[in-house]
Amino acid sequence: MNRFLKWLVSKFIKVDRFGMRDELHIEVWHEGVKTVDKVYKGRCPTNAGFAEVAALVGNVGSPTAFTYLAVGTGSTAADPTDTTLVTEVTDTGLARAAATVSRVTTTVADDTLQLLHEWTATGIKILREIGAFNAGAAGDMLARKVYDAITTAETDHVKMTYKFPFTAA
């Protein structure tokens, strides 16, 4: 098929798809000065996360909402089959924590789940991954995102805002 015909077909044939993306906003404050302000976007929901979302939407079984954030030091690329962080941090003030959960607007009113938590580091860690979970320990992981390494120092404030827009893909 020539390029013009491909373009023409693409303009007239529309496939509706629904999808979940993710967006991570990281802020780190050291002695009152913002030292990190980065945003990462992509698609990295897990298979287990999709299954639990389907259960939540249909109220099938005993689904549990995703309300926890955990950070880790693992740098292995995110994969849909992930069920845990590669190396979850459990010390230095950066352990898994209950997030502030809300819905915010990305495209249409309240189409985005937002999980937010701010940790205060009590030691040095090199953070490289985050996950959204539905339990304070173990549980299902909705998504995992790997990002550029961030080194924390004692008393640093690490604020992670992890968003999940549900939009036409």
C-alpha atoms as a PDB file:
ATOM      1  CA  MET A   1       0.000   0.000   0.000  1.00  0.00           C
ATOM      2  CA  ASN A   2       1.475   3.370  -0.890  1.00  0.00           C
ATOM      3  CA  ARG A   3       2.033   6.069   1.737  1.00  0.00           C
ATOM      4  CA  PHE A   4      -0.883   8.255   0.633  1.00  0.00           C
ATOM      5  CA  LEU A   5      -3.330   5.359   0.789  1.00  0.00           C
ATOM      6  CA  LYS A   6      -2.060   4.375   4.262  1.00  0.00           C
ATOM      7  CA  TRP A   7      -2.512   7.959   5.437  1.00  0.00           C
ATOM      8  CA  LEU A   8      -6.013   8.151   3.938  1.00  0.00           C
ATOM      9  CA  VAL A   9      -7.068   4.877   5.551  1.00  0.00           C
ATOM     10  CA  SER A  10      -5.700   6.038   8.915  1.00  0.00           C
ATOM     11  CA  LYS A  11      -7.885   9.159   8.739  1.00  0.00           C
ATOM     12  CA  PHE A  12     -11.111   7.273   8.021  1.00  0.00           C
ATOM     13  CA  ILE A  13     -10.726   4.157  10.112  1.00  0.00           C
ATOM     14  CA  LYS A  14     -10.828   4.870  13.799  1.00  0.00           C
ATOM     15  CA  VAL A  15     -10.398   2.183  16.386  1.00  0.00           C
ATOM     16  CA  ASP A  16     -11.658   3.123  19.833  1.00  0.00           C
ATOM     17  CA  ARG A  17      -9.387   1.870  22.564  1.00  0.00           C
ATOM     18  CA  PHE A  18      -9.409   2.410  26.261  1.00  0.00           C
ATOM     19  CA  GLY A  19      -6.163   2.418  28.122  1.00  0.00           C
ATOM     20  CA  MET A  20      -4.333   3.234  31.298  1.00  0.00           C
ATOM     21  CA  ARG A  21      -1.158   5.244  31.280  1.00  0.00           C
ATOM     22  CA  ASP A  22       0.936   6.479  34.132  1.00  0.00           C
ATOM     23  CA  GLU A  23       2.718   9.659  35.047  1.00  0.00           C
ATOM     24  CA  LEU A  24       5.196  10.086  37.885  1.00  0.00           C
ATOM     25  CA  HIS A  25       6.172  13.479  39.265  1.00  0.00           C
ATOM     26  CA  ILE A  26       9.181  13.408  41.609  1.00  0.00           C
ATOM     27  CA  GLU A  27      10.243  16.296  43.811  1.00  0.00           C
ATOM     28  CA  VAL A  28      13.137  16.171  46.274  1.00  0.00           C
ATOM     29  CA  TRP A  29      13.820  18.942  48.753  1.00  0.00           C
ATOM     30  CA  HIS A  30      17.213  19.246  50.476  1.00  0.00           C
ATOM     31  CA  GLU A  31      17.519  21.840  53.250  1.00  0.00           C
ATOM     32  CA  GLY A  32      14.511  23.730  51.884  1.00  0.00           C
ATOM     33  CA  VAL A  33      15.772  23.830  48.283  1.00  0.00           C
ATOM     34  CA  LYS A  34      14.142  21.792  45.525  1.00  0.00           C
ATOM     35  CA  THR A  35      16.956  19.698  44.053  1.00  0.00           C
ATOM     36  CA  VAL A  36      14.898  17.342  41.874  1.00  0.00           C
ATOM     37  CA  ASP A  37      11.776  18.108  39.841  1.00  0.00           C
ATOM     38  CA  LYS A  38      11.171  15.461  37.173  1.00  0.00           C
ATOM     39  CA  VAL A  39       8.194  13.973  35.350  1.00  0.00           C
ATOM     40  CA  TYR A  40       8.118  10.518  33.743  1.00  0.00           C
ATOM     41  CA  LYS A  41       5.259   9.353  31.520  1.00  0.00           C
ATOM     42  CA  GLY A  42       4.547   6.018  29.926  1.00  0.00           C
ATOM     43  CA  ARG A  43       2.651   2.774  30.144  1.00  0.00           C
ATOM     44  CA  CYS A  44       3.713   0.278  32.748  1.00  0.00           C
ATOM     45  CA  PRO A  45       0.653  -1.242  34.395  1.00  0.00           C
ATOM     46  CA  THR A  46       1.164  -4.827  35.487  1.00  0.00           C
ATOM     47  CA  ASN A  47      -0.911  -7.822  34.481  1.00  0.00           C
ATOM     48  CA  ALA A  48      -1.939  -8.270  38.117  1.00  0.00           C
ATOM     49  CA  GLY A  49      -2.843  -4.574  38.235  1.00  0.00           C
ATOM     50  CA  PHE A  50      -5.116  -4.878  35.198  1.00  0.00           C
ATOM     51  CA  ALA A  51      -6.824  -7.918  36.739  1.00  0.00           C
ATOM     52  CA  GLU A  52      -7.467  -6.085  40.018  1.00  0.00           C
ATOM     53  CA  VAL A  53      -8.764  -2.996  38.179  1.00  0.00           C
ATOM     54  CA  ALA A  54     -11.194  -5.220  36.263  1.00  0.00           C
ATOM     55  CA  ALA A  55     -12.335  -6.739  39.576  1.00  0.00           C
ATOM     56  CA  LEU A  56     -12.773  -3.268  41.088  1.00  0.00           C
ATOM     57  CA  VAL A  57     -14.808  -2.003  38.117  1.00  0.00           C
ATOM     58  CA  GLY A  58     -17.073  -5.046  38.146  1.00  0.00           C
ATOM     59  CA  ASN A  59     -17.070  -5.524  41.937  1.00  0.00           C
ATOM     60  CA  VAL A  60     -16.071  -9.139  41.304  1.00  0.00           C
ATOM     61  CA  GLY A  61     -14.489 -11.159  44.090  1.00  0.00           C
ATOM     62  CA  SER A  62     -12.900  -9.144  46.877  1.00  0.00           C
ATOM     63  CA  PRO A  63     -11.006  -6.373  45.083  1.00  0.00           C
ATOM     64  CA  THR A  64      -8.886  -3.929  47.053  1.00  0.00           C
ATOM     65  CA  ALA A  65      -8.169  -0.350  46.005  1.00  0.00           C
ATOM     66  CA  PHE A  66      -4.614   0.782  45.287  1.00  0.00           C
ATOM     67  CA  THR A  67      -3.698   3.172  48.101  1.00  0.00           C
ATOM     68  CA  TYR A  68      -0.007   2.539  48.891  1.00  0.00           C
ATOM     69  CA  LEU A  69       3.259   3.708  47.351  1.00  0.00           C
ATOM     70  CA  ALA A  70       6.644   2.045  47.715  1.00  0.00           C
ATOM     71  CA  VAL A  71      10.035   3.090  46.385  1.00  0.00           C
ATOM     72  CA  GLY A  72      13.015   0.907  45.606  1.00  0.00           C
ATOM     73  CA  THR A  73      16.580   0.783  44.403  1.00  0.00           C
ATOM     74  CA  GLY A  74      16.137  -1.698  41.525  1.00  0.00           C
ATOM     75  CA  SER A  75      16.947  -0.545  37.999  1.00  0.00           C
ATOM     76  CA  THR A  76      15.658  -3.495  35.946  1.00  0.00           C
ATOM     77  CA  ALA A  77      13.243  -2.287  33.256  1.00  0.00           C
ATOM     78  CA  ALA A  78       9.544  -2.429  34.138  1.00  0.00           C
ATOM     79  CA  ASP A  79       7.671  -5.436  32.759  1.00  0.00           C
ATOM     80  CA  PRO A  80       3.942  -6.275  32.732  1.00  0.00           C
ATOM     81  CA  THR A  81       4.678  -9.515  34.618  1.00  0.00           C
ATOM     82  CA  ASP A  82       6.250  -7.660  37.582  1.00  0.00           C
ATOM     83  CA  THR A  83       4.517  -8.383  40.881  1.00  0.00           C
ATOM     84  CA  THR A  84       6.930  -6.585  43.227  1.00  0.00           C
ATOM     85  CA  LEU A  85       9.591  -3.934  43.110  1.00  0.00           C
ATOM     86  CA  VAL A  86      13.023  -5.354  42.367  1.00  0.00           C
ATOM     87  CA  THR A  87      14.459  -4.025  45.642  1.00  0.00           C
ATOM     88  CA  GLU A  88      11.861  -2.321  47.834  1.00  0.00           C
ATOM     89  CA  VAL A  89      13.237   0.093  50.445  1.00  0.00           C
ATOM     90  CA  THR A  90      12.086  -0.753  53.968  1.00  0.00           C
ATOM     91  CA  ASP A  91      14.314   1.548  56.029  1.00  0.00           C
ATOM     92  CA  THR A  92      15.761   5.083  56.146  1.00  0.00           C
ATOM     93  CA  GLY A  93      12.284   6.598  56.457  1.00  0.00           C
ATOM     94  CA  LEU A  94      11.411   5.511  52.916  1.00  0.00           C
ATOM     95  CA  ALA A  95       9.312   2.387  53.595  1.00  0.00           C
ATOM     96  CA  ARG A  96       6.015   1.655  51.841  1.00  0.00           C
ATOM     97  CA  ALA A  97       3.359   4.106  52.989  1.00  0.00           C
ATOM     98  CA  ALA A  98      -0.319   4.912  52.642  1.00  0.00           C
ATOM     99  CA  ALA A  99      -0.755   7.536  49.954  1.00  0.00           C
ATOM    100  CA  THR A 100      -3.128  10.455  49.803  1.00  0.00           C
ATOM    101  CA  VAL A 101      -5.577   9.188  47.192  1.00  0.00           C
ATOM    102  CA  SER A 102      -7.697  11.412  44.965  1.00  0.00           C
ATOM    103  CA  ARG A 103      -9.137  11.759  41.493  1.00  0.00           C
ATOM    104  CA  VAL A 104      -7.914  14.610  39.323  1.00  0.00           C
ATOM    105  CA  THR A 105      -8.634  15.756  35.800  1.00  0.00           C
ATOM    106  CA  THR A 106      -6.375  14.961  32.857  1.00  0.00           C
ATOM    107  CA  THR A 107      -8.809  14.983  29.898  1.00  0.00           C
ATOM    108  CA  VAL A 108     -12.294  14.830  31.399  1.00  0.00           C
ATOM    109  CA  ALA A 109     -13.423  15.434  34.990  1.00  0.00           C
ATOM    110  CA  ASP A 110     -12.022  12.935  37.501  1.00  0.00           C
ATOM    111  CA  ASP A 111     -10.510  10.576  34.888  1.00  0.00           C
ATOM    112  CA  THR A 112      -7.210  10.136  36.738  1.00  0.00           C
ATOM    113  CA  LEU A 113      -6.325   8.254  39.919  1.00  0.00           C
ATOM    114  CA  GLN A 114      -3.657  10.145  41.874  1.00  0.00           C
ATOM    115  CA  LEU A 115      -1.519   8.672  44.653  1.00  0.00           C
ATOM    116  CA  LEU A 116       0.705  11.100  46.550  1.00  0.00           C
ATOM    117  CA  HIS A 117       3.125  10.616  49.416  1.00  0.00           C
ATOM    118  CA  GLU A 118       5.997  12.599  50.867  1.00  0.00           C
ATOM    119  CA  TRP A 119       8.697  10.742  52.771  1.00  0.00           C
ATOM    120  CA  THR A 120      11.425  12.237  54.957  1.00  0.00           C
ATOM    121  CA  ALA A 121      14.664  10.332  54.468  1.00  0.00           C
ATOM    122  CA  THR A 122      16.678   9.369  57.542  1.00  0.00           C
ATOM    123  CA  GLY A 123      19.655   8.128  55.561  1.00  0.00           C
ATOM    124  CA  ILE A 124      21.208   7.763  52.132  1.00  0.00           C
ATOM    125  CA  LYS A 125      19.483   5.702  49.433  1.00  0.00           C
ATOM    126  CA  ILE A 126      19.708   5.646  45.651  1.00  0.00           C
ATOM    127  CA  LEU A 127      16.109   5.427  44.466  1.00  0.00           C
ATOM    128  CA  ARG A 128      15.296   4.110  40.982  1.00  0.00           C
ATOM    129  CA  GLU A 129      11.785   2.596  41.079  1.00  0.00           C
ATOM    130  CA  ILE A 130       8.287   3.126  42.416  1.00  0.00           C
ATOM    131  CA  GLY A 131       5.238   0.896  42.653  1.00  0.00           C
ATOM    132  CA  ALA A 132       1.569   1.411  43.497  1.00  0.00           C
ATOM    133  CA  PHE A 133       0.107  -1.332  45.711  1.00  0.00           C
ATOM    134  CA  ASN A 134      -3.204  -2.320  47.258  1.00  0.00           C
ATOM    135  CA  ALA A 135      -1.774  -3.387  50.629  1.00  0.00           C
ATOM    136  CA  GLY A 136       0.653  -2.138  53.258  1.00  0.00           C
ATOM    137  CA  ALA A 137       2.690  -5.326  52.791  1.00  0.00           C
ATOM    138  CA  ALA A 138       2.704  -7.667  49.777  1.00  0.00           C
ATOM    139  CA  GLY A 139      -0.575  -7.148  47.857  1.00  0.00           C
ATOM    140  CA  ASP A 140      -1.066  -6.584  44.133  1.00  0.00           C
ATOM    141  CA  MET A 141       1.064  -4.035  42.294  1.00  0.00           C
ATOM    142  CA  LEU A 142      -0.889  -1.807  39.909  1.00  0.00           C
ATOM    143  CA  ALA A 143       2.189  -0.480  38.135  1.00  0.00           C
ATOM    144  CA  ARG A 144       5.938  -0.092  38.420  1.00  0.00           C
ATOM    145  CA  LYS A 145       7.996   2.749  37.015  1.00  0.00           C
ATOM    146  CA  VAL A 146      11.774   2.918  36.747  1.00  0.00           C
ATOM    147  CA  TYR A 147      13.345   6.380  36.669  1.00  0.00           C
ATOM    148  CA  ASP A 148      16.735   8.098  36.708  1.00  0.00           C
ATOM    149  CA  ALA A 149      18.616   7.482  39.966  1.00  0.00           C
ATOM    150  CA  ILE A 150      17.907   9.893  42.805  1.00  0.00           C
ATOM    151  CA  THR A 151      20.248   9.910  45.795  1.00  0.00           C
ATOM    152  CA  THR A 152      18.652  10.956  49.053  1.00  0.00           C
ATOM    153  CA  ALA A 153      20.425  12.424  52.038  1.00  0.00           C
ATOM    154  CA  GLU A 154      19.308  12.512  55.651  1.00  0.00           C
ATOM    155  CA  THR A 155      16.344  14.889  56.159  1.00  0.00           C
ATOM    156  CA  ASP A 156      15.573  15.117  52.416  1.00  0.00           C
ATOM    157  CA  HIS A 157      11.875  15.293  51.606  1.00  0.00           C
ATOM    158  CA  VAL A 158      10.948  12.970  48.736  1.00  0.00           C
ATOM    159  CA  LYS A 159       7.531  13.707  47.244  1.00  0.00           C
ATOM    160  CA  MET A 160       6.120  11.261  44.706  1.00  0.00           C
ATOM    161  CA  THR A 161       2.899  11.924  42.825  1.00  0.00           C
ATOM    162  CA  TYR A 162       1.923   8.864  40.800  1.00  0.00           C
ATOM    163  CA  LYS A 163      -1.011   9.392  38.433  1.00  0.00           C
ATOM    164  CA  PHE A 164      -3.016   6.919  36.367  1.00  0.00           C
ATOM    165  CA  PRO A 165      -5.113   8.598  33.650  1.00  0.00           C
ATOM    166  CA  PHE A 166      -7.846   6.388  32.208  1.00  0.00           C
ATOM    167  CA  THR A 167      -8.306   7.736  28.702  1.00  0.00           C
ATOM    168  CA  ALA A 168      -8.833   6.811  25.092  1.00  0.00           C
ATOM    169  CA  ALA A 169      -5.549   5.205  24.088  1.00  0.00           C
END
